[in-house]
N, C-alpha and C. Protein backbone atom coordinates (compact mmCIF):
# COMPACT_ATOMS: atom_id res chain seq x y z
N MET A 1 -10.02 9.19 1.29
CA MET A 1 -10.11 8.27 1.01
C MET A 1 -11.63 8.40 0.21
N VAL A 2 -11.88 8.96 -0.76
CA VAL A 2 -13.51 8.88 -1.41
C VAL A 2 -13.91 7.86 -1.84
N LYS A 3 -15.08 6.86 -1.16
CA LYS A 3 -15.73 5.52 -1.91
C LYS A 3 -16.02 5.98 -3.19
N LYS A 4 -16.09 5.00 -4.06
CA LYS A 4 -16.77 4.91 -5.49
C LYS A 4 -17.66 3.43 -5.67
N THR A 5 -18.17 4.06 -6.31
CA THR A 5 -19.35 2.49 -6.01
C THR A 5 -18.70 1.51 -7.58
N PRO A 6 -18.33 0.48 -7.12
CA PRO A 6 -17.70 -0.66 -7.77
C PRO A 6 -18.20 -0.64 -9.14
N LYS A 7 -17.94 -0.75 -10.18
CA LYS A 7 -18.24 -1.06 -11.68
C LYS A 7 -17.88 -2.51 -11.98
N SER A 8 -16.73 -3.07 -11.54
CA SER A 8 -15.98 -4.36 -12.67
C SER A 8 -15.46 -5.17 -11.34
N ILE A 9 -15.80 -6.01 -11.37
CA ILE A 9 -15.64 -7.22 -10.70
C ILE A 9 -14.73 -8.61 -11.39
N LEU A 10 -13.54 -9.19 -11.21
CA LEU A 10 -12.86 -9.95 -11.20
C LEU A 10 -13.29 -11.60 -10.22
N VAL A 11 -14.09 -12.13 -10.98
CA VAL A 11 -14.48 -13.68 -10.05
C VAL A 11 -13.22 -14.82 -10.20
N VAL A 12 -12.24 -15.28 -9.21
CA VAL A 12 -11.08 -16.14 -9.52
C VAL A 12 -11.71 -16.92 -8.59
N GLU A 13 -12.31 -17.87 -9.18
CA GLU A 13 -12.90 -19.39 -9.47
C GLU A 13 -12.28 -20.50 -9.96
N ASP A 14 -12.08 -21.59 -10.07
CA ASP A 14 -11.85 -22.89 -10.76
C ASP A 14 -13.38 -23.47 -10.53
N ASP A 15 -14.38 -23.53 -10.14
CA ASP A 15 -15.37 -24.57 -9.91
C ASP A 15 -16.35 -23.47 -11.24
N THR A 16 -16.48 -24.29 -12.44
CA THR A 16 -17.43 -23.26 -13.49
C THR A 16 -18.12 -22.80 -13.19
N ALA A 17 -19.16 -23.95 -12.84
CA ALA A 17 -20.46 -23.86 -12.25
C ALA A 17 -20.80 -22.61 -10.98
N LEU A 18 -19.77 -22.60 -10.41
CA LEU A 18 -20.02 -21.57 -9.56
C LEU A 18 -19.55 -20.32 -9.75
N SER A 19 -18.29 -20.69 -11.13
CA SER A 19 -17.99 -18.48 -10.81
C SER A 19 -19.34 -18.49 -11.98
N GLU A 20 -19.38 -19.41 -13.04
CA GLU A 20 -20.93 -18.74 -13.49
C GLU A 20 -21.91 -18.27 -12.86
N ALA A 21 -21.96 -18.59 -11.98
CA ALA A 21 -23.62 -18.62 -11.13
C ALA A 21 -23.28 -17.20 -10.56
N TYR A 22 -21.87 -16.79 -9.96
CA TYR A 22 -21.48 -15.48 -9.20
C TYR A 22 -21.79 -14.28 -10.09
N LYS A 23 -21.08 -14.78 -11.91
CA LYS A 23 -21.30 -14.28 -13.44
C LYS A 23 -22.85 -13.47 -13.43
N LEU A 24 -23.25 -14.43 -13.44
CA LEU A 24 -25.09 -14.15 -13.39
C LEU A 24 -25.54 -13.08 -12.67
N VAL A 25 -25.26 -13.57 -11.18
CA VAL A 25 -25.77 -12.92 -10.02
C VAL A 25 -25.56 -11.20 -10.61
N LEU A 26 -24.15 -11.15 -10.39
CA LEU A 26 -23.49 -9.84 -10.61
C LEU A 26 -23.55 -8.85 -11.87
N ASP A 27 -23.49 -9.13 -12.47
CA ASP A 27 -24.11 -9.34 -14.10
C ASP A 27 -25.45 -8.32 -13.80
N HIS A 28 -26.13 -9.05 -13.35
CA HIS A 28 -27.69 -8.95 -13.07
C HIS A 28 -27.91 -7.48 -12.02
N ALA A 29 -27.40 -7.65 -11.09
CA ALA A 29 -26.95 -6.46 -9.78
C ALA A 29 -26.27 -5.47 -10.74
N GLY A 30 -26.13 -5.16 -12.31
CA GLY A 30 -25.11 -3.99 -12.44
C GLY A 30 -23.94 -3.83 -12.82
N TYR A 31 -23.20 -5.32 -12.37
CA TYR A 31 -21.39 -5.30 -12.37
C TYR A 31 -21.37 -5.75 -13.60
N THR A 32 -20.03 -5.34 -14.11
CA THR A 32 -19.03 -6.11 -15.32
C THR A 32 -18.20 -6.82 -14.65
N THR A 33 -18.67 -8.18 -15.07
CA THR A 33 -17.83 -8.75 -14.04
C THR A 33 -17.16 -10.31 -15.18
N ARG A 34 -16.13 -10.34 -14.90
CA ARG A 34 -15.01 -11.39 -15.89
C ARG A 34 -14.50 -12.14 -14.71
N ILE A 35 -14.53 -13.38 -15.56
CA ILE A 35 -14.08 -14.78 -15.09
C ILE A 35 -12.44 -15.56 -15.22
N ALA A 36 -11.78 -15.59 -13.81
CA ALA A 36 -10.42 -16.24 -14.05
C ALA A 36 -10.48 -17.93 -13.77
N ALA A 37 -9.86 -18.63 -14.00
CA ALA A 37 -10.05 -20.07 -13.41
C ALA A 37 -8.66 -20.72 -12.64
N SER A 38 -7.91 -19.38 -12.39
CA SER A 38 -6.75 -19.92 -11.24
C SER A 38 -6.14 -18.07 -11.19
N GLY A 39 -5.39 -18.43 -9.78
CA GLY A 39 -4.68 -16.88 -9.46
C GLY A 39 -3.50 -16.54 -10.90
N GLN A 40 -2.75 -17.51 -11.92
CA GLN A 40 -2.28 -16.93 -13.23
C GLN A 40 -3.20 -16.42 -13.76
N ASP A 41 -4.22 -17.20 -14.10
CA ASP A 41 -5.15 -16.49 -15.26
C ASP A 41 -5.27 -14.86 -14.25
N ALA A 42 -6.32 -14.51 -13.25
CA ALA A 42 -6.35 -13.32 -12.82
C ALA A 42 -5.30 -12.54 -13.16
N LEU A 43 -3.90 -12.89 -12.69
CA LEU A 43 -3.06 -11.73 -13.19
C LEU A 43 -2.89 -11.41 -14.39
N GLN A 44 -3.12 -12.20 -15.55
CA GLN A 44 -3.43 -12.49 -16.89
C GLN A 44 -4.52 -10.93 -17.54
N ALA A 45 -5.29 -11.28 -16.19
CA ALA A 45 -6.74 -10.52 -16.97
C ALA A 45 -6.40 -9.05 -15.96
N ILE A 46 -5.95 -8.99 -14.83
CA ILE A 46 -5.28 -7.76 -14.35
C ILE A 46 -4.09 -6.94 -14.94
N GLU A 47 -3.84 -7.63 -16.02
CA GLU A 47 -2.87 -6.76 -16.72
C GLU A 47 -3.34 -5.92 -17.80
N GLU A 48 -4.59 -6.80 -18.42
CA GLU A 48 -5.35 -5.98 -19.49
C GLU A 48 -6.42 -4.86 -19.20
N ASP A 49 -7.06 -5.24 -17.62
CA ASP A 49 -7.87 -4.39 -16.83
C ASP A 49 -8.13 -4.58 -15.46
N GLU A 50 -7.97 -3.95 -14.80
CA GLU A 50 -7.56 -3.58 -13.48
C GLU A 50 -8.90 -3.45 -12.99
N PRO A 51 -9.69 -4.81 -11.95
CA PRO A 51 -11.06 -4.51 -11.64
C PRO A 51 -11.66 -3.58 -10.42
N ASP A 52 -12.31 -3.19 -10.11
CA ASP A 52 -12.68 -2.19 -8.65
C ASP A 52 -12.47 -3.75 -7.34
N ILE A 53 -13.03 -4.65 -7.74
CA ILE A 53 -13.04 -5.74 -6.73
C ILE A 53 -12.69 -7.22 -7.45
N ILE A 54 -12.09 -7.66 -7.13
CA ILE A 54 -11.13 -9.43 -7.12
C ILE A 54 -11.90 -10.43 -5.90
N LEU A 55 -12.74 -10.89 -6.01
CA LEU A 55 -13.59 -11.75 -5.56
C LEU A 55 -12.82 -13.86 -5.85
N LEU A 56 -11.99 -13.86 -4.39
CA LEU A 56 -11.11 -14.61 -5.02
C LEU A 56 -11.36 -15.75 -4.07
N ASP A 57 -11.02 -16.87 -4.87
CA ASP A 57 -11.03 -18.51 -4.30
C ASP A 57 -9.68 -18.11 -3.47
N ILE A 58 -9.58 -19.32 -2.90
CA ILE A 58 -8.25 -19.84 -2.41
C ILE A 58 -7.62 -21.31 -2.69
N ARG A 59 -8.52 -22.38 -2.81
CA ARG A 59 -7.81 -23.55 -3.37
C ARG A 59 -7.84 -23.57 -4.70
N MET A 60 -7.36 -23.40 -5.22
CA MET A 60 -7.34 -23.42 -6.98
C MET A 60 -6.08 -24.17 -7.52
N PRO A 61 -6.47 -24.65 -8.52
CA PRO A 61 -4.97 -25.41 -9.44
C PRO A 61 -4.19 -24.81 -10.12
N VAL A 62 -3.32 -24.69 -10.63
CA VAL A 62 -1.94 -23.82 -11.38
C VAL A 62 -1.72 -23.11 -10.11
N MET A 63 -2.30 -21.82 -9.96
CA MET A 63 -1.65 -20.76 -8.74
C MET A 63 -3.30 -20.99 -7.83
N ASP A 64 -2.53 -20.89 -6.65
CA ASP A 64 -4.14 -20.73 -5.79
C ASP A 64 -4.07 -19.17 -4.91
N GLY A 65 -4.98 -19.09 -4.15
CA GLY A 65 -5.43 -17.69 -4.22
C GLY A 65 -4.27 -17.08 -3.02
N ILE A 66 -3.66 -17.66 -2.43
CA ILE A 66 -2.10 -16.98 -1.64
C ILE A 66 -1.61 -16.84 -2.48
N ALA A 67 -1.00 -17.87 -3.26
CA ALA A 67 -0.25 -17.67 -4.30
C ALA A 67 -0.39 -16.39 -5.06
N PHE A 68 -1.60 -15.61 -5.40
CA PHE A 68 -1.93 -14.82 -5.98
C PHE A 68 -1.84 -13.86 -5.25
N LEU A 69 -2.24 -13.47 -4.12
CA LEU A 69 -2.02 -12.41 -3.50
C LEU A 69 -0.54 -12.13 -3.22
N LYS A 70 0.25 -13.18 -2.89
CA LYS A 70 1.50 -12.68 -3.06
C LYS A 70 2.20 -12.11 -4.13
N GLU A 71 1.90 -12.46 -5.31
CA GLU A 71 1.97 -11.88 -6.28
C GLU A 71 1.43 -10.31 -7.00
N TYR A 72 0.29 -10.22 -6.42
CA TYR A 72 -0.51 -9.08 -6.82
C TYR A 72 0.07 -8.07 -5.92
N GLN A 73 0.26 -8.31 -4.98
CA GLN A 73 0.58 -7.24 -3.61
C GLN A 73 -0.20 -6.05 -3.57
N PRO A 74 -1.36 -6.68 -3.12
CA PRO A 74 -2.02 -4.60 -2.93
C PRO A 74 -1.73 -4.11 -2.08
N LYS A 75 -0.85 -4.55 -1.15
CA LYS A 75 -0.67 -3.11 0.09
C LYS A 75 0.36 -2.68 -0.76
N THR A 76 1.26 -2.92 -2.16
CA THR A 76 2.26 -1.86 -2.45
C THR A 76 1.69 -1.69 -3.93
N ARG A 77 0.69 -1.67 -4.41
CA ARG A 77 0.09 -0.96 -5.39
C ARG A 77 -0.27 -0.17 -4.98
N PRO A 78 -0.65 1.38 -6.54
CA PRO A 78 -1.11 2.67 -6.48
C PRO A 78 -2.40 2.54 -6.31
N ASN A 79 -3.00 2.07 -7.47
CA ASN A 79 -4.36 1.85 -6.65
C ASN A 79 -5.34 -0.07 -7.37
N PRO A 80 -5.24 -0.29 -6.33
CA PRO A 80 -5.44 -1.92 -6.06
C PRO A 80 -6.92 -2.22 -5.88
N ALA A 81 -6.74 -3.46 -6.46
CA ALA A 81 -8.60 -3.80 -6.51
C ALA A 81 -8.84 -3.88 -4.96
N SER A 82 -9.74 -4.05 -4.39
CA SER A 82 -10.58 -4.56 -3.20
C SER A 82 -10.58 -5.96 -3.56
N VAL A 83 -9.81 -6.83 -2.62
CA VAL A 83 -10.03 -8.20 -2.50
C VAL A 83 -10.81 -8.50 -1.20
N ILE A 84 -12.04 -9.88 -1.57
CA ILE A 84 -12.69 -10.66 -1.31
C ILE A 84 -12.49 -11.87 -0.89
N VAL A 85 -11.54 -12.77 -0.23
CA VAL A 85 -11.39 -14.26 -0.36
C VAL A 85 -13.06 -14.60 0.25
N PHE A 86 -13.27 -15.44 -1.04
CA PHE A 86 -14.88 -16.37 -1.28
C PHE A 86 -14.45 -17.80 -0.93
N SER A 87 -14.19 -18.28 0.32
CA SER A 87 -13.56 -19.63 0.49
C SER A 87 -14.90 -20.94 1.61
N ASN A 88 -14.10 -21.80 1.07
CA ASN A 88 -14.72 -22.42 1.59
C ASN A 88 -14.06 -23.72 2.94
N TYR A 89 -12.72 -22.70 3.05
CA TYR A 89 -12.00 -23.35 3.73
C TYR A 89 -11.79 -21.93 5.25
N ASP A 90 -12.33 -22.85 6.51
CA ASP A 90 -12.09 -21.79 7.90
C ASP A 90 -10.95 -22.11 9.01
N MET A 91 -9.71 -22.10 8.19
CA MET A 91 -8.89 -22.52 8.67
C MET A 91 -8.24 -20.94 9.62
N GLU A 92 -7.72 -20.37 10.44
CA GLU A 92 -7.56 -19.23 11.26
C GLU A 92 -5.86 -19.04 10.66
N GLN A 93 -5.28 -20.01 10.53
CA GLN A 93 -4.02 -19.34 9.80
C GLN A 93 -3.95 -18.74 8.45
N GLU A 94 -4.61 -19.60 7.61
CA GLU A 94 -4.98 -19.26 6.48
C GLU A 94 -5.93 -18.17 6.06
N VAL A 95 -6.63 -17.42 7.58
CA VAL A 95 -7.81 -16.06 6.90
C VAL A 95 -6.63 -15.16 7.21
N ASP A 96 -5.50 -15.45 8.82
CA ASP A 96 -4.91 -14.38 9.13
C ASP A 96 -3.17 -14.02 7.95
N GLU A 97 -3.18 -15.41 7.16
CA GLU A 97 -2.60 -14.97 6.45
C GLU A 97 -3.01 -14.18 5.15
N VAL A 98 -4.19 -14.22 4.64
CA VAL A 98 -4.54 -13.25 3.46
C VAL A 98 -4.67 -12.01 3.80
N TYR A 99 -5.39 -11.62 5.33
CA TYR A 99 -5.15 -10.32 5.52
C TYR A 99 -4.03 -9.76 5.76
N GLU A 100 -2.91 -10.13 6.53
CA GLU A 100 -1.86 -9.90 6.03
C GLU A 100 -1.18 -9.47 4.45
N LEU A 101 -1.82 -10.44 3.81
CA LEU A 101 -1.12 -10.21 2.18
C LEU A 101 -2.11 -9.16 1.15
N GLY A 102 -3.17 -8.35 2.25
CA GLY A 102 -3.64 -7.38 1.49
C GLY A 102 -5.28 -7.53 1.56
N ALA A 103 -5.92 -8.97 1.72
CA ALA A 103 -7.28 -8.97 1.73
C ALA A 103 -7.81 -8.14 2.20
N GLU A 104 -9.38 -7.58 2.33
CA GLU A 104 -9.89 -6.76 2.74
C GLU A 104 -11.54 -7.63 3.37
N ARG A 105 -11.40 -8.65 3.00
CA ARG A 105 -12.70 -8.99 3.91
C ARG A 105 -12.54 -10.62 3.51
N TYR A 106 -12.70 -11.81 4.08
CA TYR A 106 -12.83 -13.33 4.21
C TYR A 106 -13.98 -14.07 4.48
N VAL A 107 -14.53 -14.36 3.31
CA VAL A 107 -15.90 -14.57 3.63
C VAL A 107 -16.05 -16.37 3.29
N LEU A 108 -16.90 -17.19 4.23
CA LEU A 108 -17.04 -18.41 3.90
C LEU A 108 -18.26 -18.36 3.07
N LYS A 109 -18.37 -19.09 1.65
CA LYS A 109 -19.09 -19.20 0.59
C LYS A 109 -20.26 -19.90 1.22
N ALA A 110 -20.41 -21.03 2.31
CA ALA A 110 -21.45 -21.54 2.83
C ALA A 110 -22.11 -20.54 3.61
N TRP A 111 -21.92 -19.40 3.82
CA TRP A 111 -22.50 -18.34 4.48
C TRP A 111 -23.32 -17.04 4.10
N ALA A 112 -22.90 -16.82 2.71
CA ALA A 112 -23.20 -15.91 1.71
C ALA A 112 -24.05 -16.35 0.24
N SER A 113 -25.33 -16.61 0.67
CA SER A 113 -26.06 -16.03 -0.58
C SER A 113 -25.81 -15.55 -1.77
N PRO A 114 -25.98 -15.98 -2.53
CA PRO A 114 -25.77 -14.89 -3.90
C PRO A 114 -26.87 -13.46 -3.69
N SER A 115 -27.83 -13.27 -2.78
CA SER A 115 -27.92 -11.69 -2.56
C SER A 115 -26.95 -11.31 -1.49
N GLU A 116 -26.87 -12.10 -0.92
CA GLU A 116 -26.10 -11.61 0.61
C GLU A 116 -24.50 -11.26 -0.39
N LEU A 117 -23.82 -11.79 -1.26
CA LEU A 117 -22.69 -11.70 -1.87
C LEU A 117 -23.07 -9.89 -2.50
N VAL A 118 -23.67 -10.05 -3.30
CA VAL A 118 -24.11 -8.83 -4.24
C VAL A 118 -24.50 -7.26 -2.57
N LYS A 119 -25.26 -7.76 -1.72
CA LYS A 119 -24.86 -6.54 -0.21
C LYS A 119 -23.35 -6.62 -0.09
N LEU A 120 -22.73 -7.83 0.04
CA LEU A 120 -21.79 -7.76 0.97
C LEU A 120 -20.41 -6.54 -0.37
N ILE A 121 -20.79 -6.97 -1.69
CA ILE A 121 -19.50 -6.55 -2.63
C ILE A 121 -20.30 -4.91 -2.76
N ASN A 122 -21.76 -4.49 -2.84
CA ASN A 122 -22.09 -3.17 -2.78
C ASN A 122 -21.83 -2.27 -1.61
N GLY A 123 -21.08 -3.22 -0.06
CA GLY A 123 -20.63 -2.56 0.99
C GLY A 123 -19.37 -1.93 1.06
N THR A 124 -18.58 -2.74 0.07
CA THR A 124 -17.22 -2.87 -0.10
C THR A 124 -16.70 -1.60 -0.31
N ALA A 125 -16.15 -0.62 0.56
CA ALA A 125 -15.59 0.44 0.26
C ALA A 125 -13.96 0.07 -0.78
N LEU A 126 -13.54 0.95 -1.82
CA LEU A 126 -12.96 1.02 -2.62
C LEU A 126 -11.81 1.94 -2.61
N ARG A 127 -10.43 2.33 -2.59
CA ARG A 127 -9.93 2.81 -2.58
C ARG A 127 -9.37 3.73 -3.67
């Protein structure tokens, strides 16, 4: 598996202020960043153009992050985006479930500053 530098990121986050802050930081770091406010919006965005990385919140209206992962099915896709779950919730069952569904990382929002987020994304190995 050859590593490549990620170019595009889809931020799936229902908190507008937070998603705009992520977009600002990621765009400044050289990424092409798009925003989706729910899992349903993310699935539509992926149909148009699949990103290299999906930064996914868990708790969202319409379709949450777990339902998104069940629909997106990264384990069965030929060239899936790397999924980084970025959540405020640290429930063991939820963490286990997102890994079972194909997420590569689970990060607590409170533990990652914007610069740490960029470092995390820079270090994410893509398929």
